[in-house]
Amino acid sequence: MDRRPGLSVRLRLTISYALFLVVAGSLLLAIVWLFLLRYVPMEAITLRGDRGPDGTIGPGLFIPGRLDLWRAFAPKALASLVFLLLLGLGGGWFLAGRMLAPLTRITEATREAAGGALGHRIRLPGRQDEFRELADSFDSMLAQLESHVAEQQRFAANASHELRTPLAITQTMLEVARSDPSRDPGELIERLHLMNARAIDLTEALLLLSRSDQRAFAKEHVDLSLAAEEAAESLLELAERRGVSVEVAGDAAPASGSYSLLLQLAVNLLHNAIVHNLPEGGEVRVATGVDAGDAYLTVENTGRVLAPQLVATLTERFQRGSGRTRTDHVGIGLGLAIADSIARAHDGSLTLAPRAGGGLAATVRLPAERP
């Protein structure tokens, strides 16, 4: 924003300090002057001296009047005010500089951050006050911005890589088909359809992830139990095809948020539980309810034993667990990352824990909506 040039804060504080000293000194001198006037006559008085033994008259007594007193008092008062003005300007400039030194460091850090140096920190020393609180808040903001920018850069690099893969495969298949016209086009069409579906799924997942990260949704009443039932119905065919039984049970779990996003969260958790299960006879159990003021949704599945180190990385973007194939509808490494982002966007959390007998337990906790 373009602004007209003006006085600096340091100069304005200096002038304020000087004027305060001058005004305070003027009031003090005025009080002294009014106090003296009580004992000073309006006109000067000269008293004759007493006659001595030799008949001479001694020196008389002179009592000055107010005008005489003013003539003596005014130059000294004016000199005092000039001294106070110079003292206020010099001392005020020094004190204002000392007081505003932290603000100068904060301003320099802001300019460096605006230039892209998000790794810079103020780290203002000293005891806690308004400037230190501002500097600490600014350092925290820079740390969050640096983390978000790094995450977005990493996400963009991974996304570009993931999108390039199906496009490169599609290009290769088209070149092979062009070099071999006698090849059966049905197989090519089927493979192109799979690659195109994968690219579409990845694009939609990226858009959904961006929407949840930005919290671009309106809040409404949501029952997690209903979202879990709808998610189970939509994935029933996939579960039957893979030989996995799905059991949904639990109480109402009222929360506040976007029903479509929370439904997507339940779908992602259920889909992950189905595709990362036993080849035959696997189970998925879904439970909902309210506990300790939170509405919860728990999805547990059987499967192989998972190491805690692996489970800790499953919510990272483009992180694929073992057992997922390229034909698994949303096998793009974003399912659990999206679920975690949706939970955080609703002021909740997603917790993953390996089950002792094998498999995974995923629990989402959201603030319960009070009736």
Protein backbone atom coordinates (compact mmCIF):
# COMPACT_ATOMS: atom_id res chain seq x y z
CA MET A 1 0.00 0.00 0.00
CA ASP A 2 1.35 3.42 -1.01
CA ARG A 3 1.46 5.87 1.89
CA ARG A 4 2.59 9.45 2.19
CA PRO A 5 5.86 9.87 4.10
CA GLY A 6 5.47 10.86 7.75
CA LEU A 7 7.40 11.23 10.96
CA SER A 8 8.97 8.11 12.40
CA VAL A 9 7.65 6.63 15.61
CA ARG A 10 10.98 7.35 17.31
CA LEU A 11 10.80 11.05 16.39
CA ARG A 12 7.18 11.30 17.49
CA LEU A 13 8.00 9.67 20.81
CA THR A 14 10.96 12.04 21.24
CA ILE A 15 8.78 15.08 20.62
CA SER A 16 6.16 13.69 22.98
CA TYR A 17 8.74 13.18 25.74
CA ALA A 18 10.16 16.70 25.26
CA LEU A 19 6.73 18.34 25.23
CA PHE A 20 5.76 16.44 28.35
CA LEU A 21 8.83 17.68 30.18
CA VAL A 22 8.23 21.26 29.03
CA VAL A 23 4.57 21.16 30.04
CA ALA A 24 5.39 19.58 33.41
CA GLY A 25 8.14 22.15 34.02
CA SER A 26 5.81 24.99 33.01
CA LEU A 27 3.16 23.79 35.44
CA LEU A 28 5.73 23.52 38.22
CA LEU A 29 7.02 27.04 37.57
CA ALA A 30 3.47 28.35 37.37
CA ILE A 31 2.68 26.80 40.76
CA VAL A 32 5.81 28.33 42.26
CA TRP A 33 4.95 31.72 40.75
CA LEU A 34 1.41 31.64 42.11
CA PHE A 35 2.71 30.60 45.53
CA LEU A 36 5.13 33.52 45.62
CA LEU A 37 2.46 36.03 44.59
CA ARG A 38 0.70 35.49 47.90
CA TYR A 39 3.57 37.18 49.73
CA VAL A 40 4.53 39.86 47.20
CA PRO A 41 2.77 43.28 47.12
CA MET A 42 1.55 44.68 43.86
CA GLU A 43 3.84 47.74 44.03
CA ALA A 44 7.37 48.01 45.38
CA ILE A 45 7.69 49.41 48.92
CA THR A 46 10.64 51.42 50.24
CA LEU A 47 10.90 51.97 54.02
CA ARG A 48 13.09 54.68 55.51
CA GLY A 49 15.81 53.59 57.83
CA ASP A 50 16.04 54.48 61.55
CA ARG A 51 17.89 57.57 62.73
CA GLY A 52 21.20 56.79 64.41
CA PRO A 53 22.77 58.36 67.58
CA ASP A 54 24.71 60.74 65.40
CA GLY A 55 21.50 61.90 63.74
CA THR A 56 22.08 60.15 60.40
CA ILE A 57 19.41 58.03 58.80
CA GLY A 58 20.40 54.46 58.08
CA PRO A 59 19.70 52.54 54.88
CA GLY A 60 16.04 51.83 54.25
CA LEU A 61 14.27 48.55 53.51
CA PHE A 62 13.23 47.84 49.89
CA ILE A 63 10.42 45.35 49.27
CA PRO A 64 10.15 44.47 45.55
CA GLY A 65 6.78 44.38 43.83
CA ARG A 66 5.38 41.77 41.50
CA LEU A 67 6.82 43.45 38.42
CA ASP A 68 10.28 43.45 39.95
CA LEU A 69 9.90 39.81 40.89
CA TRP A 70 8.78 38.92 37.35
CA ARG A 71 11.81 40.64 35.85
CA ALA A 72 14.05 38.51 38.00
CA PHE A 73 12.05 35.29 37.66
CA ALA A 74 11.19 35.25 33.94
CA PRO A 75 14.72 34.83 32.48
CA LYS A 76 15.50 31.98 34.89
CA ALA A 77 12.18 30.29 34.13
CA LEU A 78 12.72 30.63 30.39
CA ALA A 79 16.23 29.20 30.68
CA SER A 80 14.83 26.28 32.70
CA LEU A 81 12.22 25.54 30.05
CA VAL A 82 14.84 25.64 27.29
CA PHE A 83 16.99 23.24 29.29
CA LEU A 84 14.04 20.90 29.82
CA LEU A 85 13.26 21.03 26.09
CA LEU A 86 16.83 20.11 25.13
CA LEU A 87 16.93 17.42 27.81
CA GLY A 88 13.62 16.02 26.61
CA LEU A 89 14.77 15.92 22.98
CA GLY A 90 18.12 14.27 23.75
CA GLY A 91 16.90 11.93 26.42
CA GLY A 92 13.69 11.17 24.54
CA TRP A 93 15.61 10.26 21.38
CA PHE A 94 17.84 7.90 23.37
CA LEU A 95 14.99 6.31 25.33
CA ALA A 96 12.76 5.94 22.25
CA GLY A 97 15.60 4.21 20.44
CA ARG A 98 16.08 1.78 23.31
CA MET A 99 12.37 1.10 23.57
CA LEU A 100 11.89 0.59 19.82
CA ALA A 101 14.99 -1.54 19.26
CA PRO A 102 12.96 -4.82 19.51
CA LEU A 103 10.44 -3.45 17.03
CA THR A 104 13.29 -2.74 14.60
CA ARG A 105 14.40 -6.36 14.82
CA ILE A 106 10.84 -7.54 14.24
CA THR A 107 10.54 -5.26 11.19
CA GLU A 108 13.81 -6.58 9.73
CA ALA A 109 12.63 -10.16 10.27
CA THR A 110 9.33 -9.34 8.55
CA ARG A 111 11.17 -7.99 5.51
CA GLU A 112 13.38 -11.08 5.36
CA ALA A 113 10.31 -13.31 5.60
CA ALA A 114 8.62 -11.32 2.83
CA GLY A 115 11.72 -11.97 0.72
CA GLY A 116 11.34 -15.72 1.21
CA ALA A 117 13.68 -16.31 4.17
CA LEU A 118 11.18 -18.25 6.27
CA GLY A 119 13.96 -19.94 8.22
CA HIS A 120 14.91 -16.67 9.93
CA ARG A 121 13.88 -16.28 13.60
CA ILE A 122 13.90 -13.19 15.81
CA ARG A 123 14.63 -14.94 19.13
CA LEU A 124 14.33 -11.69 21.05
CA PRO A 125 16.15 -11.92 24.41
CA GLY A 126 14.93 -10.43 27.65
CA ARG A 127 12.01 -10.84 30.00
CA GLN A 128 8.44 -11.21 28.85
CA ASP A 129 6.70 -8.04 27.68
CA GLU A 130 4.56 -6.87 24.76
CA PHE A 131 7.49 -6.79 22.30
CA ARG A 132 8.78 -10.22 23.37
CA GLU A 133 5.27 -11.63 23.09
CA LEU A 134 4.95 -10.19 19.57
CA ALA A 135 8.37 -11.56 18.59
CA ASP A 136 7.57 -15.03 19.95
CA SER A 137 4.23 -15.05 18.13
CA PHE A 138 5.99 -14.00 14.92
CA ASP A 139 8.57 -16.77 15.35
CA SER A 140 5.78 -19.30 15.82
CA MET A 141 4.02 -18.01 12.72
CA LEU A 142 7.26 -18.27 10.69
CA ALA A 143 7.78 -21.83 11.92
CA GLN A 144 4.26 -22.81 10.85
CA LEU A 145 4.65 -21.07 7.49
CA GLU A 146 7.98 -22.77 6.89
CA SER A 147 6.46 -26.13 7.76
CA HIS A 148 3.43 -25.55 5.53
CA VAL A 149 5.53 -24.34 2.60
CA ALA A 150 7.87 -27.31 2.92
CA GLU A 151 4.89 -29.65 3.09
CA GLN A 152 3.27 -28.04 0.06
CA GLN A 153 6.51 -28.22 -1.92
CA ARG A 154 6.93 -31.87 -1.01
CA PHE A 155 3.29 -32.51 -1.80
CA ALA A 156 3.56 -30.77 -5.19
CA ALA A 157 6.67 -32.76 -6.06
CA ASN A 158 5.01 -36.04 -5.07
CA ALA A 159 1.78 -35.12 -6.86
CA SER A 160 3.59 -34.24 -10.08
CA HIS A 161 5.47 -37.53 -9.88
CA GLU A 162 2.30 -39.51 -9.23
CA LEU A 163 0.46 -37.82 -12.09
CA ARG A 164 3.39 -38.27 -14.45
CA THR A 165 3.42 -42.03 -13.90
CA PRO A 166 -0.02 -42.88 -15.41
CA LEU A 167 0.51 -40.35 -18.19
CA ALA A 168 3.87 -41.88 -19.07
CA ILE A 169 2.38 -45.38 -19.05
CA THR A 170 -0.47 -44.20 -21.27
CA GLN A 171 1.99 -42.62 -23.69
CA THR A 172 4.01 -45.84 -23.83
CA MET A 173 0.93 -47.97 -24.53
CA LEU A 174 -0.16 -45.63 -27.31
CA GLU A 175 3.28 -45.75 -28.93
CA VAL A 176 3.30 -49.55 -28.75
CA ALA A 177 -0.18 -49.69 -30.29
CA ARG A 178 0.87 -47.34 -33.09
CA SER A 179 3.95 -49.43 -33.88
CA ASP A 180 1.90 -52.66 -33.88
CA PRO A 181 -1.45 -52.03 -35.65
CA SER A 182 -2.32 -55.74 -35.61
CA ARG A 183 -2.46 -55.85 -31.82
CA ASP A 184 -5.85 -56.47 -30.16
CA PRO A 185 -7.28 -53.02 -29.29
CA GLY A 186 -9.49 -54.44 -26.52
CA GLU A 187 -6.55 -55.00 -24.20
CA LEU A 188 -5.21 -51.52 -24.96
CA ILE A 189 -8.58 -49.93 -24.24
CA GLU A 190 -8.89 -51.76 -20.93
CA ARG A 191 -5.43 -50.70 -19.79
CA LEU A 192 -6.00 -47.12 -20.92
CA HIS A 193 -9.27 -47.12 -19.01
CA LEU A 194 -7.47 -48.23 -15.82
CA MET A 195 -4.75 -45.59 -16.22
CA ASN A 196 -7.29 -42.88 -16.92
CA ALA A 197 -9.36 -43.90 -13.88
CA ARG A 198 -6.24 -43.77 -11.75
CA ALA A 199 -5.42 -40.25 -12.95
CA ILE A 200 -9.00 -39.12 -12.29
CA ASP A 201 -8.96 -40.64 -8.81
CA LEU A 202 -5.69 -38.93 -8.02
CA THR A 203 -6.96 -35.56 -9.24
CA GLU A 204 -10.18 -35.83 -7.23
CA ALA A 205 -8.21 -36.90 -4.17
CA LEU A 206 -5.92 -33.88 -4.50
CA LEU A 207 -8.90 -31.55 -4.77
CA LEU A 208 -10.55 -33.15 -1.75
CA LEU A 209 -7.32 -32.91 0.23
CA SER A 210 -6.98 -29.22 -0.65
CA ARG A 211 -10.58 -28.58 0.37
CA SER A 212 -10.13 -30.22 3.76
CA ASP A 213 -6.79 -28.49 4.39
CA GLN A 214 -8.37 -25.08 3.75
CA ARG A 215 -11.51 -25.94 5.79
CA ALA A 216 -13.62 -24.71 2.88
CA PHE A 217 -16.91 -26.20 4.02
CA ALA A 218 -20.03 -25.22 5.91
CA LYS A 219 -20.77 -26.98 9.21
CA GLU A 220 -23.96 -28.91 9.84
CA HIS A 221 -25.20 -31.63 12.16
CA VAL A 222 -23.59 -34.99 11.28
CA ASP A 223 -24.12 -38.41 12.82
CA LEU A 224 -20.98 -40.51 12.33
CA SER A 225 -23.00 -43.71 12.71
CA LEU A 226 -25.05 -42.83 9.61
CA ALA A 227 -21.90 -41.94 7.67
CA ALA A 228 -20.37 -45.30 8.66
CA GLU A 229 -23.46 -47.22 7.51
CA GLU A 230 -23.56 -45.41 4.17
CA ALA A 231 -19.83 -46.01 3.64
CA ALA A 232 -20.27 -49.73 4.39
CA GLU A 233 -23.12 -49.98 1.86
CA SER A 234 -21.08 -48.27 -0.85
CA LEU A 235 -18.13 -50.67 -0.33
CA LEU A 236 -20.17 -53.84 0.18
CA GLU A 237 -19.47 -55.12 -3.34
CA LEU A 238 -15.71 -54.59 -2.95
CA ALA A 239 -15.78 -56.43 0.39
CA GLU A 240 -17.69 -59.38 -1.06
CA ARG A 241 -15.34 -59.56 -4.01
CA ARG A 242 -12.35 -59.79 -1.68
CA GLY A 243 -14.05 -62.16 0.77
CA VAL A 244 -14.09 -59.69 3.67
CA SER A 245 -17.02 -59.42 6.07
CA VAL A 246 -18.01 -55.96 7.30
CA GLU A 247 -19.82 -55.47 10.61
CA VAL A 248 -21.17 -52.04 11.56
CA ALA A 249 -22.45 -51.52 15.09
CA GLY A 250 -22.59 -48.73 17.60
CA ASP A 251 -24.56 -45.84 18.97
CA ALA A 252 -25.28 -42.42 17.56
CA ALA A 253 -22.22 -40.15 17.35
CA PRO A 254 -23.40 -36.57 16.81
CA ALA A 255 -20.78 -34.11 15.55
CA SER A 256 -20.61 -30.88 13.63
CA GLY A 257 -19.04 -30.52 10.20
CA SER A 258 -19.40 -31.41 6.55
CA TYR A 259 -21.34 -34.60 5.96
CA SER A 260 -19.76 -35.20 2.55
CA LEU A 261 -16.24 -34.86 3.97
CA LEU A 262 -16.94 -37.05 6.98
CA LEU A 263 -18.57 -39.62 4.69
CA GLN A 264 -15.41 -39.57 2.58
CA LEU A 265 -13.39 -40.07 5.78
CA ALA A 266 -15.43 -43.16 6.65
CA VAL A 267 -15.18 -44.47 3.07
CA ASN A 268 -11.38 -44.07 3.09
CA LEU A 269 -10.99 -45.86 6.41
CA LEU A 270 -13.29 -48.71 5.37
CA HIS A 271 -11.66 -49.04 1.97
CA ASN A 272 -8.23 -49.18 3.57
CA ALA A 273 -9.46 -51.82 6.03
CA ILE A 274 -10.88 -53.96 3.18
CA VAL A 275 -7.93 -53.88 0.80
CA HIS A 276 -5.37 -54.37 3.60
CA ASN A 277 -7.00 -57.51 4.94
CA LEU A 278 -6.60 -61.25 4.73
CA PRO A 279 -7.04 -62.78 1.27
CA GLU A 280 -9.96 -64.89 2.51
CA GLY A 281 -12.07 -64.72 5.64
CA GLY A 282 -10.97 -61.28 6.69
CA GLU A 283 -13.07 -59.12 8.96
CA VAL A 284 -13.77 -55.41 9.35
CA ARG A 285 -15.55 -54.10 12.44
CA VAL A 286 -16.91 -50.56 12.64
CA ALA A 287 -18.05 -48.96 15.91
CA THR A 288 -19.37 -45.49 16.71
CA GLY A 289 -20.45 -43.68 19.84
CA VAL A 290 -19.68 -40.88 22.27
CA ASP A 291 -16.92 -41.07 24.86
CA ALA A 292 -15.51 -38.37 27.17
CA GLY A 293 -17.21 -35.61 25.23
CA ASP A 294 -15.99 -36.87 21.83
CA ALA A 295 -17.84 -38.57 19.04
CA TYR A 296 -15.74 -41.45 17.79
CA LEU A 297 -15.59 -43.75 14.77
CA THR A 298 -13.43 -46.87 15.06
CA VAL A 299 -12.55 -49.15 12.13
CA GLU A 300 -10.64 -52.36 12.89
CA ASN A 301 -9.52 -54.94 10.37
CA THR A 302 -7.69 -58.22 10.41
CA GLY A 303 -4.51 -58.69 8.42
CA ARG A 304 -0.81 -59.21 8.79
CA VAL A 305 1.09 -57.96 11.83
CA LEU A 306 2.21 -54.38 11.32
CA ALA A 307 5.28 -52.76 12.82
CA PRO A 308 4.64 -49.56 14.82
CA GLN A 309 7.24 -47.77 12.69
CA LEU A 310 5.23 -48.54 9.55
CA VAL A 311 1.92 -47.53 11.11
CA ALA A 312 3.37 -44.15 12.10
CA THR A 313 3.98 -43.32 8.40
CA LEU A 314 0.63 -44.44 6.97
CA THR A 315 -0.98 -40.98 7.20
CA GLU A 316 1.83 -39.41 5.15
CA ARG A 317 0.79 -38.38 1.68
CA PHE A 318 1.53 -40.84 -1.13
CA GLN A 319 2.53 -43.45 1.44
CA ARG A 320 1.29 -46.87 0.32
CA GLY A 321 1.06 -49.81 2.64
CA SER A 322 1.89 -53.28 1.46
CA GLY A 323 -0.83 -55.34 -0.08
CA ARG A 324 -2.38 -52.57 -2.15
CA THR A 325 -2.45 -53.07 -5.89
CA ARG A 326 -2.78 -50.65 -8.77
CA THR A 327 -6.32 -51.83 -9.46
CA ASP A 328 -7.58 -51.01 -5.97
CA HIS A 329 -9.83 -48.10 -6.94
CA VAL A 330 -8.01 -45.47 -4.84
CA GLY A 331 -4.55 -47.04 -4.50
CA ILE A 332 -2.85 -43.68 -4.79
CA GLY A 333 -1.39 -43.28 -1.31
CA LEU A 334 -3.78 -40.54 -0.22
CA GLY A 335 -6.62 -42.42 1.49
CA LEU A 336 -5.40 -42.18 5.08
CA ALA A 337 -3.78 -38.80 4.46
CA ILE A 338 -7.17 -37.43 3.38
CA ALA A 339 -8.85 -39.02 6.39
CA ASP A 340 -6.30 -37.42 8.71
CA SER A 341 -6.71 -34.02 7.03
CA ILE A 342 -10.52 -34.21 7.29
CA ALA A 343 -10.31 -35.12 10.97
CA ARG A 344 -7.97 -32.21 11.72
CA ALA A 345 -10.18 -29.84 9.71
CA HIS A 346 -13.03 -30.77 12.07
CA ASP A 347 -10.85 -30.09 15.15
CA GLY A 348 -10.46 -33.81 15.69
CA SER A 349 -7.80 -36.46 15.34
CA LEU A 350 -7.09 -39.75 13.59
CA THR A 351 -5.17 -42.38 15.54
CA LEU A 352 -3.72 -45.51 13.96
CA ALA A 353 -2.56 -48.46 16.04
CA PRO A 354 -1.48 -52.00 15.08
CA ARG A 355 -3.65 -54.80 16.45
CA ALA A 356 -1.98 -57.51 18.50
CA GLY A 357 -3.38 -60.28 16.31
CA GLY A 358 -2.57 -58.50 13.08
CA GLY A 359 -4.27 -55.73 11.18
CA LEU A 360 -4.94 -52.11 12.00
CA ALA A 361 -7.24 -50.10 14.29
CA ALA A 362 -8.13 -46.59 13.12
CA THR A 363 -9.98 -44.27 15.51
CA VAL A 364 -11.39 -40.86 14.65
CA ARG A 365 -12.40 -38.57 17.51
CA LEU A 366 -14.34 -35.36 16.91
CA PRO A 367 -15.85 -32.89 19.37
CA ALA A 368 -19.34 -34.19 20.11
CA GLU A 369 -22.19 -31.86 19.28
CA ARG A 370 -24.29 -31.03 22.31
CA PRO A 371 -28.05 -31.29 21.93
